[in-house]
Amino acid sequence: MTPAPTSSLDAEMGPKEQERRLLHEVADAVGALMEFWGFKRVMGRVWALLYLRGDALSASDLCEQLSISSGAASMALSELEHWAVIRRIRKAGDRREYFEAETDIWKMISRVLRERELAQIERALEVFERVREKLRSLAAPGERSRLEDIAERLGKLVDLTRVGRALLVAMVQQGRVDLGPLMRFPRSRR
């Protein structure tokens, strides 16, 4: 594997400065991914720095190393603790609080999938099923109506949502996914 080309700026920096710049680059990339997934960018940056460093840092250390305000650090740390992706610890003889990253990435992802995405799917499924049944009850008996057509389409959304739920549950509980149900999902030509 060929190393990345170095710039003249890299040549002027010492190893510590280069390490800091490279860690910032990764933290920014993780922050962008976290933002894409609907979290705050700073949360990704804080977690990434803690994860990469491998040692506990204080809030003031994080502020200094990431060039963020104490308010931004405090909010990010609280939210990251809520998602159980960092832990608050104490060091003997030091009054400050320190933070360390959860290193089991699958544990973090599965918690988010379970508490956020799966909950959203459950809410949508409940709405789809309730509205479908209500539309069926409004349709005139004995004749095919527009409401029945809509209810039938909603039924397809219910089926797809159930497949999605099953895939997420399998992924979260077992760490693997059987794509068979998705492959058997009926394809519509309309």
N, C-alpha and C. Protein backbone atom coordinates (compact mmCIF):
# COMPACT_ATOMS: atom_id res chain seq x y z
N MET A 1 0.85 -1.17 0.00
CA MET A 1 0.00 0.00 0.00
C MET A 1 0.90 1.23 0.00
N THR A 2 0.65 2.14 -0.88
CA THR A 2 1.44 3.35 -1.01
C THR A 2 0.98 4.38 0.01
N PRO A 3 1.91 4.97 0.77
CA PRO A 3 1.49 5.99 1.73
C PRO A 3 0.98 7.23 1.02
N ALA A 4 0.10 7.95 1.70
CA ALA A 4 -0.46 9.18 1.13
C ALA A 4 0.66 10.19 0.95
N PRO A 5 0.58 10.99 -0.12
CA PRO A 5 1.63 11.99 -0.35
C PRO A 5 1.64 13.01 0.79
N THR A 6 2.81 13.46 1.15
CA THR A 6 2.92 14.46 2.20
C THR A 6 3.02 15.83 1.58
N SER A 7 2.40 16.78 2.24
CA SER A 7 2.47 18.16 1.75
C SER A 7 3.66 18.85 2.40
N SER A 8 3.97 20.02 1.90
CA SER A 8 5.06 20.79 2.50
C SER A 8 4.71 21.16 3.94
N LEU A 9 3.41 21.32 4.20
CA LEU A 9 2.96 21.62 5.56
C LEU A 9 3.27 20.46 6.49
N ASP A 10 3.05 19.21 6.01
CA ASP A 10 3.37 18.03 6.80
C ASP A 10 4.85 18.00 7.15
N ALA A 11 5.69 18.34 6.18
CA ALA A 11 7.14 18.31 6.40
C ALA A 11 7.56 19.32 7.46
N GLU A 12 6.81 20.41 7.59
CA GLU A 12 7.14 21.44 8.58
C GLU A 12 6.63 21.10 9.97
N MET A 13 5.65 20.19 10.05
CA MET A 13 5.06 19.82 11.33
C MET A 13 5.88 18.71 11.99
N GLY A 14 5.87 18.74 13.30
CA GLY A 14 6.47 17.65 14.05
C GLY A 14 5.49 16.48 14.13
N PRO A 15 5.94 15.34 14.62
CA PRO A 15 5.07 14.17 14.71
C PRO A 15 3.80 14.40 15.53
N LYS A 16 3.90 15.14 16.65
CA LYS A 16 2.72 15.40 17.49
C LYS A 16 1.68 16.23 16.73
N GLU A 17 2.13 17.24 16.01
CA GLU A 17 1.21 18.08 15.24
C GLU A 17 0.57 17.29 14.10
N GLN A 18 1.37 16.44 13.47
CA GLN A 18 0.83 15.61 12.39
C GLN A 18 -0.22 14.64 12.94
N GLU A 19 0.08 14.03 14.10
CA GLU A 19 -0.88 13.13 14.74
C GLU A 19 -2.18 13.86 15.03
N ARG A 20 -2.08 15.05 15.60
CA ARG A 20 -3.27 15.84 15.94
C ARG A 20 -4.08 16.16 14.69
N ARG A 21 -3.40 16.58 13.61
CA ARG A 21 -4.10 16.90 12.36
C ARG A 21 -4.79 15.66 11.79
N LEU A 22 -4.12 14.53 11.83
CA LEU A 22 -4.70 13.30 11.29
C LEU A 22 -5.89 12.83 12.13
N LEU A 23 -5.78 12.94 13.46
CA LEU A 23 -6.91 12.58 14.32
C LEU A 23 -8.10 13.50 14.07
N HIS A 24 -7.82 14.79 13.84
CA HIS A 24 -8.89 15.74 13.50
C HIS A 24 -9.57 15.35 12.19
N GLU A 25 -8.77 14.91 11.25
CA GLU A 25 -9.32 14.51 9.95
C GLU A 25 -10.30 13.35 10.11
N VAL A 26 -9.91 12.36 10.91
CA VAL A 26 -10.80 11.22 11.16
C VAL A 26 -12.02 11.66 11.97
N ALA A 27 -11.79 12.48 13.00
CA ALA A 27 -12.91 12.96 13.83
C ALA A 27 -13.91 13.74 12.99
N ASP A 28 -13.42 14.54 12.06
CA ASP A 28 -14.32 15.29 11.17
C ASP A 28 -15.11 14.35 10.27
N ALA A 29 -14.45 13.29 9.78
CA ALA A 29 -15.16 12.32 8.92
C ALA A 29 -16.23 11.58 9.72
N VAL A 30 -15.92 11.17 10.95
CA VAL A 30 -16.92 10.50 11.80
C VAL A 30 -18.04 11.49 12.12
N GLY A 31 -17.69 12.73 12.40
CA GLY A 31 -18.71 13.75 12.66
C GLY A 31 -19.66 13.92 11.49
N ALA A 32 -19.12 13.91 10.27
CA ALA A 32 -19.96 14.03 9.07
C ALA A 32 -20.90 12.83 8.95
N LEU A 33 -20.39 11.63 9.24
CA LEU A 33 -21.25 10.43 9.19
C LEU A 33 -22.35 10.52 10.24
N MET A 34 -21.99 10.93 11.44
CA MET A 34 -22.99 11.05 12.50
C MET A 34 -24.06 12.07 12.13
N GLU A 35 -23.64 13.17 11.52
CA GLU A 35 -24.60 14.19 11.10
C GLU A 35 -25.53 13.62 10.02
N PHE A 36 -24.98 12.83 9.11
CA PHE A 36 -25.79 12.20 8.07
C PHE A 36 -26.85 11.30 8.69
N TRP A 37 -26.53 10.63 9.79
CA TRP A 37 -27.46 9.73 10.47
C TRP A 37 -28.39 10.47 11.42
N GLY A 38 -28.33 11.80 11.44
CA GLY A 38 -29.27 12.57 12.23
C GLY A 38 -28.79 12.98 13.62
N PHE A 39 -27.53 12.75 13.91
CA PHE A 39 -26.96 13.19 15.17
C PHE A 39 -26.18 14.48 14.94
N LYS A 40 -25.73 15.08 16.01
CA LYS A 40 -24.93 16.29 15.88
C LYS A 40 -23.50 15.93 15.50
N ARG A 41 -22.94 16.72 14.61
CA ARG A 41 -21.58 16.48 14.13
C ARG A 41 -20.58 16.43 15.29
N VAL A 42 -20.73 17.33 16.25
CA VAL A 42 -19.78 17.39 17.36
C VAL A 42 -19.79 16.09 18.16
N MET A 43 -20.93 15.41 18.22
CA MET A 43 -20.99 14.13 18.93
C MET A 43 -20.04 13.12 18.28
N GLY A 44 -20.07 13.07 16.97
CA GLY A 44 -19.17 12.15 16.25
C GLY A 44 -17.71 12.52 16.45
N ARG A 45 -17.43 13.80 16.44
CA ARG A 45 -16.05 14.25 16.62
C ARG A 45 -15.54 13.89 18.02
N VAL A 46 -16.37 14.11 19.04
CA VAL A 46 -15.97 13.80 20.42
C VAL A 46 -15.76 12.31 20.58
N TRP A 47 -16.74 11.51 20.15
CA TRP A 47 -16.60 10.06 20.29
C TRP A 47 -15.37 9.56 19.54
N ALA A 48 -15.16 10.02 18.32
CA ALA A 48 -14.03 9.55 17.52
C ALA A 48 -12.70 9.84 18.20
N LEU A 49 -12.55 11.03 18.76
CA LEU A 49 -11.30 11.36 19.43
C LEU A 49 -11.08 10.46 20.64
N LEU A 50 -12.13 10.27 21.45
CA LEU A 50 -12.01 9.39 22.61
C LEU A 50 -11.68 7.96 22.16
N TYR A 51 -12.35 7.50 21.14
CA TYR A 51 -12.13 6.14 20.64
C TYR A 51 -10.71 5.97 20.12
N LEU A 52 -10.27 6.89 19.29
CA LEU A 52 -8.95 6.76 18.69
C LEU A 52 -7.83 6.90 19.72
N ARG A 53 -7.99 7.81 20.64
CA ARG A 53 -6.95 8.02 21.65
C ARG A 53 -6.85 6.81 22.59
N GLY A 54 -7.98 6.20 22.91
CA GLY A 54 -7.95 5.02 23.76
C GLY A 54 -7.74 5.30 25.24
N ASP A 55 -7.63 6.56 25.60
CA ASP A 55 -7.53 6.90 27.01
C ASP A 55 -8.58 7.95 27.35
N ALA A 56 -8.91 8.01 28.64
CA ALA A 56 -9.95 8.93 29.08
C ALA A 56 -9.44 10.37 29.02
N LEU A 57 -10.33 11.26 28.59
CA LEU A 57 -10.01 12.68 28.50
C LEU A 57 -11.05 13.46 29.30
N SER A 58 -10.63 14.60 29.84
CA SER A 58 -11.57 15.48 30.53
C SER A 58 -12.30 16.32 29.49
N ALA A 59 -13.36 16.96 29.93
CA ALA A 59 -14.11 17.84 29.03
C ALA A 59 -13.21 18.98 28.54
N SER A 60 -12.38 19.51 29.42
CA SER A 60 -11.49 20.60 28.99
C SER A 60 -10.45 20.11 27.99
N ASP A 61 -9.97 18.87 28.15
CA ASP A 61 -9.06 18.30 27.15
C ASP A 61 -9.74 18.20 25.78
N LEU A 62 -10.99 17.75 25.79
CA LEU A 62 -11.74 17.63 24.54
C LEU A 62 -11.94 19.00 23.89
N CYS A 63 -12.28 19.98 24.71
CA CYS A 63 -12.46 21.35 24.18
C CYS A 63 -11.19 21.83 23.51
N GLU A 64 -10.08 21.63 24.17
CA GLU A 64 -8.81 22.10 23.63
C GLU A 64 -8.44 21.33 22.36
N GLN A 65 -8.55 20.02 22.41
CA GLN A 65 -8.08 19.21 21.28
C GLN A 65 -8.98 19.31 20.06
N LEU A 66 -10.27 19.57 20.27
CA LEU A 66 -11.20 19.67 19.14
C LEU A 66 -11.56 21.12 18.80
N SER A 67 -11.05 22.05 19.56
CA SER A 67 -11.36 23.47 19.37
C SER A 67 -12.87 23.71 19.40
N ILE A 68 -13.51 23.21 20.48
CA ILE A 68 -14.94 23.40 20.66
C ILE A 68 -15.17 24.11 21.99
N SER A 69 -16.33 24.73 22.13
CA SER A 69 -16.66 25.43 23.36
C SER A 69 -17.02 24.43 24.46
N SER A 70 -16.95 24.90 25.70
CA SER A 70 -17.30 24.02 26.82
C SER A 70 -18.79 23.65 26.77
N GLY A 71 -19.62 24.58 26.28
CA GLY A 71 -21.04 24.28 26.13
C GLY A 71 -21.29 23.18 25.11
N ALA A 72 -20.61 23.26 23.97
CA ALA A 72 -20.75 22.22 22.94
C ALA A 72 -20.25 20.88 23.46
N ALA A 73 -19.14 20.90 24.20
CA ALA A 73 -18.60 19.66 24.76
C ALA A 73 -19.58 19.07 25.77
N SER A 74 -20.12 19.91 26.64
CA SER A 74 -21.05 19.45 27.67
C SER A 74 -22.30 18.80 27.05
N MET A 75 -22.87 19.47 26.05
CA MET A 75 -24.07 18.91 25.40
C MET A 75 -23.74 17.60 24.68
N ALA A 76 -22.62 17.57 23.97
CA ALA A 76 -22.24 16.36 23.24
C ALA A 76 -21.99 15.20 24.21
N LEU A 77 -21.28 15.50 25.30
CA LEU A 77 -20.99 14.45 26.28
C LEU A 77 -22.26 13.90 26.91
N SER A 78 -23.21 14.78 27.22
CA SER A 78 -24.49 14.33 27.80
C SER A 78 -25.23 13.43 26.84
N GLU A 79 -25.31 13.82 25.58
CA GLU A 79 -26.01 13.01 24.59
C GLU A 79 -25.29 11.70 24.33
N LEU A 80 -23.98 11.73 24.28
CA LEU A 80 -23.21 10.49 24.07
C LEU A 80 -23.38 9.55 25.25
N GLU A 81 -23.46 10.09 26.46
CA GLU A 81 -23.73 9.25 27.63
C GLU A 81 -25.13 8.64 27.54
N HIS A 82 -26.10 9.43 27.10
CA HIS A 82 -27.47 8.91 26.93
C HIS A 82 -27.48 7.70 26.00
N TRP A 83 -26.71 7.75 24.93
CA TRP A 83 -26.66 6.65 23.97
C TRP A 83 -25.68 5.56 24.40
N ALA A 84 -25.07 5.72 25.56
CA ALA A 84 -24.13 4.74 26.13
C ALA A 84 -22.94 4.47 25.21
N VAL A 85 -22.47 5.51 24.52
CA VAL A 85 -21.30 5.34 23.67
C VAL A 85 -20.04 5.92 24.31
N ILE A 86 -20.22 6.58 25.46
CA ILE A 86 -19.08 6.99 26.29
C ILE A 86 -19.45 6.72 27.74
N ARG A 87 -18.43 6.66 28.58
CA ARG A 87 -18.61 6.48 30.03
C ARG A 87 -17.89 7.60 30.76
N ARG A 88 -18.47 8.02 31.86
CA ARG A 88 -17.86 9.02 32.74
C ARG A 88 -17.08 8.26 33.81
N ILE A 89 -15.84 8.63 34.03
CA ILE A 89 -15.04 7.95 35.04
C ILE A 89 -14.28 8.98 35.88
N ARG A 90 -13.76 8.52 36.99
CA ARG A 90 -12.92 9.34 37.88
C ARG A 90 -11.54 8.70 37.93
N LYS A 91 -10.54 9.55 38.06
CA LYS A 91 -9.18 9.08 38.25
C LYS A 91 -8.79 9.35 39.69
N ALA A 92 -8.13 8.40 40.30
CA ALA A 92 -7.73 8.54 41.70
C ALA A 92 -6.91 9.82 41.89
N GLY A 93 -7.28 10.58 42.91
CA GLY A 93 -6.55 11.80 43.24
C GLY A 93 -6.87 13.00 42.36
N ASP A 94 -7.83 12.88 41.47
CA ASP A 94 -8.19 13.97 40.56
C ASP A 94 -9.68 14.24 40.71
N ARG A 95 -10.04 15.50 40.89
CA ARG A 95 -11.45 15.84 41.09
C ARG A 95 -12.22 15.95 39.78
N ARG A 96 -11.49 16.05 38.66
CA ARG A 96 -12.16 16.21 37.36
C ARG A 96 -12.82 14.90 36.92
N GLU A 97 -13.82 15.05 36.08
CA GLU A 97 -14.45 13.88 35.45
C GLU A 97 -13.78 13.65 34.12
N TYR A 98 -13.63 12.39 33.79
CA TYR A 98 -13.03 12.00 32.53
C TYR A 98 -14.03 11.16 31.76
N PHE A 99 -13.80 11.06 30.47
CA PHE A 99 -14.71 10.33 29.60
C PHE A 99 -13.91 9.37 28.74
N GLU A 100 -14.46 8.18 28.57
CA GLU A 100 -13.83 7.20 27.68
C GLU A 100 -14.89 6.65 26.74
N ALA A 101 -14.45 6.24 25.57
CA ALA A 101 -15.37 5.76 24.54
C ALA A 101 -15.71 4.29 24.72
N GLU A 102 -16.92 3.95 24.38
CA GLU A 102 -17.30 2.54 24.23
C GLU A 102 -16.56 2.04 23.00
N THR A 103 -15.91 0.91 23.10
CA THR A 103 -15.12 0.42 21.98
C THR A 103 -15.82 -0.69 21.20
N ASP A 104 -16.93 -1.20 21.73
CA ASP A 104 -17.70 -2.22 21.02
C ASP A 104 -18.65 -1.51 20.05
N ILE A 105 -18.20 -1.37 18.82
CA ILE A 105 -18.94 -0.59 17.83
C ILE A 105 -20.29 -1.24 17.53
N TRP A 106 -20.34 -2.56 17.44
CA TRP A 106 -21.62 -3.23 17.17
C TRP A 106 -22.62 -2.96 18.29
N LYS A 107 -22.17 -2.95 19.53
CA LYS A 107 -23.05 -2.67 20.67
C LYS A 107 -23.68 -1.28 20.52
N MET A 108 -22.87 -0.31 20.09
CA MET A 108 -23.38 1.05 19.91
C MET A 108 -24.40 1.11 18.78
N ILE A 109 -24.05 0.53 17.65
CA ILE A 109 -24.94 0.59 16.48
C ILE A 109 -26.25 -0.13 16.76
N SER A 110 -26.18 -1.30 17.39
CA SER A 110 -27.41 -2.06 17.65
C SER A 110 -28.32 -1.31 18.62
N ARG A 111 -27.74 -0.58 19.57
CA ARG A 111 -28.59 0.19 20.49
C ARG A 111 -29.34 1.29 19.73
N VAL A 112 -28.64 1.99 18.86
CA VAL A 112 -29.27 3.06 18.08
C VAL A 112 -30.35 2.46 17.18
N LEU A 113 -30.05 1.35 16.52
CA LEU A 113 -31.04 0.71 15.66
C LEU A 113 -32.27 0.30 16.45
N ARG A 114 -32.05 -0.26 17.63
CA ARG A 114 -33.15 -0.74 18.46
C ARG A 114 -33.98 0.42 18.99
N GLU A 115 -33.34 1.44 19.50
CA GLU A 115 -34.07 2.52 20.17
C GLU A 115 -34.57 3.61 19.25
N ARG A 116 -33.99 3.73 18.08
CA ARG A 116 -34.39 4.83 17.20
C ARG A 116 -35.09 4.30 15.95
N GLU A 117 -34.38 3.56 15.13
CA GLU A 117 -34.93 3.11 13.87
C GLU A 117 -36.07 2.10 14.06
N LEU A 118 -35.88 1.13 14.95
CA LEU A 118 -36.92 0.13 15.18
C LEU A 118 -38.17 0.76 15.77
N ALA A 119 -38.00 1.71 16.67
CA ALA A 119 -39.15 2.41 17.25
C ALA A 119 -39.91 3.18 16.17
N GLN A 120 -39.19 3.80 15.24
CA GLN A 120 -39.84 4.53 14.15
C GLN A 120 -40.61 3.58 13.23
N ILE A 121 -40.03 2.44 12.94
CA ILE A 121 -40.71 1.44 12.11
C ILE A 121 -41.98 0.95 12.80
N GLU A 122 -41.91 0.70 14.10
CA GLU A 122 -43.09 0.25 14.85
C GLU A 122 -44.21 1.30 14.79
N ARG A 123 -43.86 2.58 14.94
CA ARG A 123 -44.88 3.64 14.87
C ARG A 123 -45.51 3.69 13.48
N ALA A 124 -44.70 3.60 12.44
CA ALA A 124 -45.23 3.63 11.08
C ALA A 124 -46.13 2.42 10.82
N LEU A 125 -45.71 1.25 11.26
CA LEU A 125 -46.50 0.03 11.05
C LEU A 125 -47.87 0.16 11.73
N GLU A 126 -47.88 0.71 12.92
CA GLU A 126 -49.15 0.89 13.63
C GLU A 126 -50.09 1.80 12.84
N VAL A 127 -49.57 2.88 12.29
CA VAL A 127 -50.39 3.81 11.50
C VAL A 127 -50.89 3.12 10.23
N PHE A 128 -50.00 2.43 9.51
CA PHE A 128 -50.40 1.76 8.27
C PHE A 128 -51.52 0.76 8.53
N GLU A 129 -51.37 -0.06 9.56
CA GLU A 129 -52.39 -1.09 9.85
C GLU A 129 -53.71 -0.47 10.27
N ARG A 130 -53.66 0.54 11.13
CA ARG A 130 -54.88 1.19 11.61
C ARG A 130 -55.63 1.86 10.46
N VAL A 131 -54.92 2.61 9.62
CA VAL A 131 -55.56 3.32 8.51
C VAL A 131 -56.10 2.33 7.49
N ARG A 132 -55.35 1.26 7.22
CA ARG A 132 -55.83 0.25 6.26
C ARG A 132 -57.16 -0.34 6.72
N GLU A 133 -57.26 -0.70 7.98
CA GLU A 133 -58.51 -1.27 8.50
C GLU A 133 -59.64 -0.26 8.47
N LYS A 134 -59.34 0.98 8.79
CA LYS A 134 -60.37 2.03 8.76
C LYS A 134 -60.88 2.24 7.32
N LEU A 135 -59.96 2.27 6.35
CA LEU A 135 -60.36 2.42 4.94
C LEU A 135 -61.22 1.25 4.48
N ARG A 136 -60.86 0.05 4.89
CA ARG A 136 -61.67 -1.14 4.52
C ARG A 136 -63.08 -1.04 5.09
N SER A 137 -63.19 -0.50 6.30
CA SER A 137 -64.52 -0.40 6.91
C SER A 137 -65.37 0.68 6.24
N LEU A 138 -64.74 1.64 5.58
CA LEU A 138 -65.48 2.70 4.90
C LEU A 138 -65.95 2.29 3.50
N ALA A 139 -65.33 1.26 2.94
CA ALA A 139 -65.68 0.83 1.58
C ALA A 139 -67.08 0.23 1.55
N ALA A 140 -67.80 0.51 0.46
CA ALA A 140 -69.16 -0.03 0.31
C ALA A 140 -69.09 -1.55 0.11
N PRO A 141 -69.96 -2.29 0.79
CA PRO A 141 -69.94 -3.75 0.66
C PRO A 141 -70.31 -4.19 -0.76
N GLY A 142 -69.61 -5.22 -1.23
CA GLY A 142 -69.96 -5.81 -2.51
C GLY A 142 -69.37 -5.18 -3.74
N GLU A 143 -68.69 -4.06 -3.63
CA GLU A 143 -68.10 -3.47 -4.83
C GLU A 143 -66.67 -3.00 -4.54
N ARG A 144 -65.88 -3.13 -5.58
CA ARG A 144 -64.48 -2.72 -5.49
C ARG A 144 -64.45 -1.19 -5.58
N SER A 145 -63.88 -0.57 -4.56
CA SER A 145 -63.87 0.89 -4.55
C SER A 145 -62.44 1.43 -4.52
N ARG A 146 -62.36 2.71 -4.70
CA ARG A 146 -61.08 3.40 -4.62
C ARG A 146 -60.46 3.20 -3.24
N LEU A 147 -61.28 3.20 -2.20
CA LEU A 147 -60.79 3.00 -0.84
C LEU A 147 -60.18 1.62 -0.66
N GLU A 148 -60.79 0.62 -1.31
CA GLU A 148 -60.21 -0.73 -1.23
C GLU A 148 -58.87 -0.80 -1.95
N ASP A 149 -58.75 -0.07 -3.07
CA ASP A 149 -57.47 -0.02 -3.78
C ASP A 149 -56.39 0.61 -2.90
N ILE A 150 -56.76 1.69 -2.22
CA ILE A 150 -55.80 2.35 -1.32
C ILE A 150 -55.44 1.40 -0.17
N ALA A 151 -56.43 0.73 0.38
CA ALA A 151 -56.18 -0.22 1.48
C ALA A 151 -55.26 -1.35 1.01
N GLU A 152 -55.43 -1.79 -0.24
CA GLU A 152 -54.56 -2.84 -0.78
C GLU A 152 -53.12 -2.34 -0.89
N ARG A 153 -52.97 -1.12 -1.35
CA ARG A 153 -51.61 -0.55 -1.44
C ARG A 153 -51.00 -0.37 -0.05
N LEU A 154 -51.82 0.04 0.89
CA LEU A 154 -51.35 0.14 2.28
C LEU A 154 -50.92 -1.23 2.79
N GLY A 155 -51.63 -2.26 2.36
CA GLY A 155 -51.24 -3.62 2.75
C GLY A 155 -49.84 -3.96 2.28
N LYS A 156 -49.48 -3.49 1.10
CA LYS A 156 -48.11 -3.71 0.60
C LYS A 156 -47.09 -2.95 1.44
N LEU A 157 -47.45 -1.74 1.87
CA LEU A 157 -46.57 -1.00 2.78
C LEU A 157 -46.43 -1.72 4.12
N VAL A 158 -47.54 -2.30 4.60
CA VAL A 158 -47.49 -3.08 5.85
C VAL A 158 -46.53 -4.25 5.68
N ASP A 159 -46.65 -4.98 4.56
CA ASP A 159 -45.77 -6.12 4.32
C ASP A 159 -44.31 -5.69 4.27
N LEU A 160 -44.02 -4.63 3.55
CA LEU A 160 -42.65 -4.14 3.43
C LEU A 160 -42.12 -3.69 4.80
N THR A 161 -42.94 -3.01 5.56
CA THR A 161 -42.54 -2.54 6.89
C THR A 161 -42.26 -3.72 7.81
N ARG A 162 -43.08 -4.76 7.72
CA ARG A 162 -42.84 -5.96 8.54
C ARG A 162 -41.52 -6.64 8.16
N VAL A 163 -41.23 -6.69 6.86
CA VAL A 163 -39.95 -7.25 6.42
C VAL A 163 -38.80 -6.41 6.96
N GLY A 164 -38.92 -5.09 6.86
CA GLY A 164 -37.89 -4.21 7.40
C GLY A 164 -37.71 -4.39 8.89
N ARG A 165 -38.82 -4.51 9.60
CA ARG A 165 -38.75 -4.73 11.05
C ARG A 165 -38.05 -6.05 11.35
N ALA A 166 -38.42 -7.10 10.62
CA ALA A 166 -37.80 -8.41 10.85
C ALA A 166 -36.30 -8.38 10.57
N LEU A 167 -35.91 -7.67 9.52
CA LEU A 167 -34.49 -7.55 9.20
C LEU A 167 -33.74 -6.81 10.31
N LEU A 168 -34.32 -5.72 10.78
CA LEU A 168 -33.68 -4.96 11.86
C LEU A 168 -33.60 -5.77 13.15
N VAL A 169 -34.68 -6.46 13.49
CA VAL A 169 -34.68 -7.27 14.70
C VAL A 169 -33.62 -8.36 14.60
N ALA A 170 -33.54 -9.03 13.46
CA ALA A 170 -32.53 -10.07 13.28
C ALA A 170 -31.13 -9.49 13.39
N MET A 171 -30.93 -8.35 12.80
CA MET A 171 -29.61 -7.73 12.82
C MET A 171 -29.24 -7.33 14.25
N VAL A 172 -30.16 -6.75 14.98
CA VAL A 172 -29.89 -6.27 16.33
C VAL A 172 -29.71 -7.45 17.30
N GLN A 173 -30.57 -8.45 17.20
CA GLN A 173 -30.53 -9.55 18.16
C GLN A 173 -29.47 -10.60 17.84
N GLN A 174 -29.25 -10.85 16.56
CA GLN A 174 -28.36 -11.94 16.18
C GLN A 174 -27.09 -11.48 15.50
N GLY A 175 -27.02 -10.22 15.11
CA GLY A 175 -25.84 -9.71 14.45
C GLY A 175 -25.70 -10.19 13.01
N ARG A 176 -26.77 -10.76 12.48
CA ARG A 176 -26.74 -11.19 11.07
C ARG A 176 -28.15 -11.07 10.51
N VAL A 177 -28.22 -11.02 9.20
CA VAL A 177 -29.51 -10.81 8.54
C VAL A 177 -29.71 -11.86 7.47
N ASP A 178 -30.92 -12.45 7.47
CA ASP A 178 -31.33 -13.36 6.41
C ASP A 178 -32.10 -12.52 5.39
N LEU A 179 -31.55 -12.37 4.19
CA LEU A 179 -32.18 -11.54 3.17
C LEU A 179 -33.26 -12.29 2.39
N GLY A 180 -33.51 -13.54 2.74
CA GLY A 180 -34.53 -14.33 2.05
C GLY A 180 -35.89 -13.67 1.99
N PRO A 181 -36.43 -13.17 3.13
CA PRO A 181 -37.76 -12.52 3.06
C PRO A 181 -37.77 -11.32 2.11
N LEU A 182 -36.71 -10.58 2.06
CA LEU A 182 -36.65 -9.43 1.17
C LEU A 182 -36.64 -9.89 -0.29
N MET A 183 -35.92 -10.96 -0.57
CA MET A 183 -35.84 -11.46 -1.94
C MET A 183 -37.19 -12.03 -2.40
N ARG A 184 -37.99 -12.52 -1.46
CA ARG A 184 -39.30 -13.08 -1.79
C ARG A 184 -40.40 -12.02 -1.84
N PHE A 185 -40.06 -10.79 -1.45
CA PHE A 185 -41.06 -9.72 -1.42
C PHE A 185 -41.59 -9.51 -2.83
N PRO A 186 -42.91 -9.49 -3.00
CA PRO A 186 -43.48 -9.37 -4.36
C PRO A 186 -43.15 -8.03 -5.01
N ARG A 187 -42.81 -8.13 -6.28
CA ARG A 187 -42.51 -6.92 -7.06
C ARG A 187 -43.75 -6.55 -7.86
N SER A 188 -44.06 -5.28 -7.83
CA SER A 188 -45.22 -4.79 -8.56
C SER A 188 -44.77 -4.19 -9.90
N ARG A 189 -45.57 -4.37 -10.90
CA ARG A 189 -45.24 -3.81 -12.21
C ARG A 189 -45.81 -2.40 -12.38
N ARG A 190 -46.66 -1.98 -11.47
CA ARG A 190 -47.26 -0.65 -11.56
C ARG A 190 -46.53 0.35 -10.73
